Amino acid sequence: MTAEPLERALDHDERLTRPTPLSEPPPPLLRTARESDLPELQRLDEEVFREVAYPAFLLRQLYDLYAEHLLVLDDGDGRLRGYVLAATTAISRDSWILGLCVTEDRRRHGLGRELMEEVLKRLRRCGTARVRLTVEPANGAAILLYRSLGFCPEQPGDGLRPDYFGPGEDRLVMCLALPGGD
């Protein structure tokens, strides 16, 4: 009886010689932001929004005011991969989405949708009647996401607001009525 090489004996299904497919990173954990996340949140905001990122002091104040509606995607190694922030007014039961982002390397995996669906669910539970947001008119991917969630351009003018954030800074204002919020 002759012994066959160990590699061949162990590799009946070509497990050792077949190339290993690249695996997707595990999905990040969606959770409410913590105060300790603020430096990483600032890094993320600057990475995604660059020159229009929120200054650190404003992120701190937004966290203090709206922490229950500041949700993050935590990849488990200390880096945040996305966030959504909703600010709610008590009197009118309106809310504004002040920020939604996902890092470029994690886009097109449904994470923006996951963030939005969770924050909308939380807003509905709080009795919010209407959610509004603005989006750059050229950001087709974001507009498609918002439309798929039920957001519609706010009238007048099909939602387009020229110079909304200053000269040349047009925005599309979109709105969603939350069932059960009224």
Protein backbone atom coordinates (compact mmCIF):
# COMPACT_ATOMS: atom_id res chain seq x y z
CA MET A 1 0.00 0.00 0.00
CA THR A 2 1.43 3.35 -0.99
CA ALA A 3 0.80 6.50 0.92
CA GLU A 4 -0.59 9.40 -1.04
CA PRO A 5 0.60 12.90 -0.32
CA LEU A 6 -1.10 14.48 2.67
CA GLU A 7 -2.34 17.42 0.62
CA ARG A 8 -4.15 15.13 -1.83
CA ALA A 9 -5.57 13.00 0.95
CA LEU A 10 -6.98 16.03 2.75
CA ASP A 11 -8.13 17.82 -0.38
CA HIS A 12 -10.72 15.45 -1.78
CA ASP A 13 -13.05 18.40 -2.53
CA GLU A 14 -10.25 20.72 -3.66
CA ARG A 15 -10.67 22.75 -0.50
CA LEU A 16 -6.97 23.49 -0.19
CA THR A 17 -6.28 24.27 -3.83
CA ARG A 18 -9.45 26.15 -4.76
CA PRO A 19 -9.18 29.93 -4.32
CA THR A 20 -11.08 31.25 -1.34
CA PRO A 21 -13.79 33.78 -2.26
CA LEU A 22 -13.45 37.17 -0.62
CA SER A 23 -15.96 37.42 2.16
CA GLU A 24 -18.14 40.42 2.83
CA PRO A 25 -17.51 42.16 6.14
CA PRO A 26 -20.18 41.39 8.71
CA PRO A 27 -23.06 43.88 8.75
CA PRO A 28 -22.55 46.67 11.25
CA LEU A 29 -24.70 46.87 14.36
CA LEU A 30 -27.40 49.55 14.24
CA ARG A 31 -27.72 51.18 17.65
CA THR A 32 -28.42 54.46 19.42
CA ALA A 33 -25.37 56.72 19.59
CA ARG A 34 -23.48 57.09 22.85
CA GLU A 35 -21.62 60.11 24.14
CA SER A 36 -18.36 58.20 23.66
CA ASP A 37 -19.15 58.01 19.92
CA LEU A 38 -18.85 61.76 19.40
CA PRO A 39 -15.18 61.83 18.23
CA GLU A 40 -15.81 58.96 15.82
CA LEU A 41 -19.06 60.58 14.69
CA GLN A 42 -17.11 63.75 13.89
CA ARG A 43 -14.59 61.73 11.88
CA LEU A 44 -17.38 60.00 9.95
CA ASP A 45 -19.23 63.25 9.26
CA GLU A 46 -16.03 64.87 7.93
CA GLU A 47 -15.22 61.81 5.80
CA VAL A 48 -18.63 61.77 4.13
CA PHE A 49 -19.66 65.42 4.05
CA ARG A 50 -16.20 67.01 3.86
CA GLU A 51 -16.48 70.82 3.74
CA VAL A 52 -20.13 70.84 4.83
CA ALA A 53 -19.61 68.53 7.83
CA TYR A 54 -21.08 69.60 11.14
CA PRO A 55 -18.57 71.26 13.45
CA ALA A 56 -17.76 69.23 16.57
CA PHE A 57 -19.56 71.66 18.90
CA LEU A 58 -22.77 71.39 16.88
CA LEU A 59 -22.64 67.59 16.78
CA ARG A 60 -22.27 67.71 20.56
CA GLN A 61 -25.35 69.91 20.93
CA LEU A 62 -27.37 67.84 18.47
CA TYR A 63 -26.45 64.74 20.47
CA ASP A 64 -27.56 66.45 23.70
CA LEU A 65 -30.90 67.42 22.16
CA TYR A 66 -31.73 64.42 19.98
CA ALA A 67 -29.72 61.43 21.25
CA GLU A 68 -32.69 59.06 21.08
CA HIS A 69 -32.96 59.75 17.35
CA LEU A 70 -29.24 59.66 16.58
CA LEU A 71 -28.57 56.15 15.32
CA VAL A 72 -25.21 54.79 14.24
CA LEU A 73 -23.84 51.79 12.37
CA ASP A 74 -21.05 50.32 14.50
CA ASP A 75 -18.78 47.77 12.80
CA GLY A 76 -17.60 46.41 16.15
CA ASP A 77 -13.98 47.56 15.98
CA GLY A 78 -14.61 51.13 17.09
CA ARG A 79 -15.36 52.61 13.68
CA LEU A 80 -18.74 53.99 12.72
CA ARG A 81 -19.89 53.29 9.16
CA GLY A 82 -22.99 55.45 9.07
CA TYR A 83 -25.54 57.49 10.99
CA VAL A 84 -28.94 59.08 10.80
CA LEU A 85 -30.07 62.05 12.88
CA ALA A 86 -33.67 63.20 13.29
CA ALA A 87 -34.65 66.37 15.14
CA THR A 88 -38.20 66.58 16.42
CA THR A 89 -40.22 69.60 17.48
CA ALA A 90 -42.51 68.96 20.43
CA ILE A 91 -45.26 71.40 19.56
CA SER A 92 -45.95 70.64 15.90
CA ARG A 93 -45.02 66.94 16.00
CA ASP A 94 -42.78 67.51 12.99
CA SER A 95 -39.35 66.05 12.53
CA TRP A 96 -36.44 66.83 10.24
CA ILE A 97 -33.82 64.34 9.10
CA LEU A 98 -30.69 66.42 9.67
CA GLY A 99 -28.22 63.86 8.42
CA LEU A 100 -27.97 60.45 6.81
CA CYS A 101 -24.71 58.96 5.68
CA VAL A 102 -22.95 55.68 5.06
CA THR A 103 -19.23 55.37 4.33
CA GLU A 104 -18.44 54.91 0.67
CA ASP A 105 -17.12 51.36 1.16
CA ARG A 106 -20.41 50.23 2.74
CA ARG A 107 -22.87 51.86 0.33
CA ARG A 108 -25.30 49.88 -1.83
CA HIS A 109 -25.83 47.26 0.86
CA GLY A 110 -29.14 48.60 2.21
CA LEU A 111 -27.58 50.28 5.25
CA GLY A 112 -29.02 53.75 4.50
CA ARG A 113 -32.45 52.16 4.17
CA GLU A 114 -31.95 50.29 7.43
CA LEU A 115 -31.03 53.51 9.24
CA MET A 116 -34.01 55.37 7.77
CA GLU A 117 -36.51 52.59 8.50
CA GLU A 118 -35.39 52.38 12.13
CA VAL A 119 -35.49 56.14 12.74
CA LEU A 120 -38.92 56.37 11.07
CA LYS A 121 -40.19 53.56 13.29
CA ARG A 122 -38.93 55.41 16.37
CA LEU A 123 -40.46 58.70 15.21
CA ARG A 124 -43.81 56.98 14.61
CA ARG A 125 -43.74 55.56 18.16
CA CYS A 126 -43.14 59.08 19.51
CA GLY A 127 -46.24 60.39 17.75
CA THR A 128 -44.44 62.30 15.01
CA ALA A 129 -46.90 63.22 12.28
CA ARG A 130 -44.60 64.46 9.51
CA VAL A 131 -40.94 64.00 8.60
CA ARG A 132 -39.12 66.36 6.28
CA LEU A 133 -35.64 66.39 4.81
CA THR A 134 -33.56 68.14 2.21
CA VAL A 135 -31.40 66.51 -0.41
CA GLU A 136 -29.09 67.82 -3.10
CA PRO A 137 -31.12 67.73 -6.34
CA ALA A 138 -28.31 65.89 -8.16
CA ASN A 139 -28.15 63.08 -5.56
CA GLY A 140 -30.24 60.61 -7.52
CA ALA A 141 -29.44 57.61 -5.29
CA ALA A 142 -30.63 59.41 -2.15
CA ILE A 143 -33.76 60.71 -3.88
CA LEU A 144 -34.62 57.18 -5.03
CA LEU A 145 -34.15 55.89 -1.48
CA TYR A 146 -36.38 58.59 0.00
CA ARG A 147 -39.07 58.07 -2.65
CA SER A 148 -39.03 54.31 -1.99
CA LEU A 149 -39.67 55.08 1.70
CA GLY A 150 -42.70 57.21 0.77
CA PHE A 151 -41.19 60.71 0.77
CA CYS A 152 -42.58 63.11 -1.83
CA PRO A 153 -41.34 66.51 -2.98
CA GLU A 154 -42.94 69.22 -0.88
CA GLN A 155 -45.01 71.82 -2.69
CA PRO A 156 -44.75 74.45 -4.08
CA GLY A 157 -42.30 74.02 -6.93
CA ASP A 158 -42.01 70.24 -6.78
CA GLY A 159 -39.85 70.61 -3.69
CA LEU A 160 -37.00 72.50 -5.36
CA ARG A 161 -35.74 75.39 -3.21
CA PRO A 162 -33.14 77.51 -5.02
CA ASP A 163 -30.36 78.88 -2.82
CA TYR A 164 -31.76 77.00 0.21
CA PHE A 165 -28.35 76.93 1.92
CA GLY A 166 -27.06 80.07 0.21
CA PRO A 167 -26.19 81.13 -3.34
CA GLY A 168 -25.95 78.09 -5.62
CA GLU A 169 -26.88 75.69 -2.80
CA ASP A 170 -30.20 74.40 -4.10
CA ARG A 171 -32.04 71.66 -2.21
CA LEU A 172 -35.01 69.43 -2.82
CA VAL A 173 -37.35 69.41 0.20
CA MET A 174 -39.18 66.12 0.67
CA CYS A 175 -41.89 65.16 3.14
CA LEU A 176 -43.44 61.99 4.57
CA ALA A 177 -46.67 61.78 6.57
CA LEU A 178 -46.32 59.02 9.14
CA PRO A 179 -49.33 56.73 9.52
CA GLY A 180 -50.37 56.69 13.15
CA GLY A 181 -48.57 59.97 13.73
CA ASP A 182 -51.71 62.06 13.24
